[in-house]
Amino acid sequence: MRAFIAVEFDPAIRERLAEAATRLRAASSGVKWVGLEQMHLTLKFLGEVEESAVDEVAVVMAEAAAGVAPFEVRVAGLGAFPPHGAPRVVWAGLDDSAGHLKGLHVRLDSGVAELGVEREGRPFAAHLTLGRVKDPRASQGVRSAIERETAAEFGVQRVEELVLFQSVLSSSGPTYTPLRRQRL
């Protein structure tokens, strides 16, 4: 099964993000927007894992969360990856100046590597994906629309738990099912 470890966000923050995506949608076609219910912060993408490994992943989550108290992150600003040139991913920023999210990512990445999951090859950048640019011709409109939203504020999220999700892909979009939760 396809799986990932993430942080869920409050419905009010997701609603504000969806409103921003609606404003962007009007200025940019060719983008596949993330649905309101699918908005989350991926801390570690696991890829394909055996169902029998779910309990082992839950142990890694518990070890990564050990000693980490709940904390807050500010959700603000919109941007794109890559930062210059034709955008491929539209995102909302997360202020993780204390490094809590990065620390959790590093601990999860190390823990699941011991289970055979490949380590992340690029630096961790805390963000919420809002959309993926599917048509390169849309890139200029997307970049211009994002520039009008760089100062947008979406709220403060209290991070209290990690969630292991199963992801089932279909033509109508992904469906995420929580398999395990780990409190901080």
Foldseek 3Di string as FASTA:
>chain_A
DWKFKWFDFDLQLLVVLVVLVVLLCVQFPQKDFDDSVPWTWTLGGQGDDDPVCPVQLVVLQQVLCPPPAKDKKWWWFWAFPPRDDFGFWIWIAIPPVVCSSVSSSVSSQVSCVVVVGDHDPDRDGTTITGIGRRDSVRRVSSRVSRVVRGGGTRGMGTGFKMWMWDWDQDPVGIDTDTDDIDTD
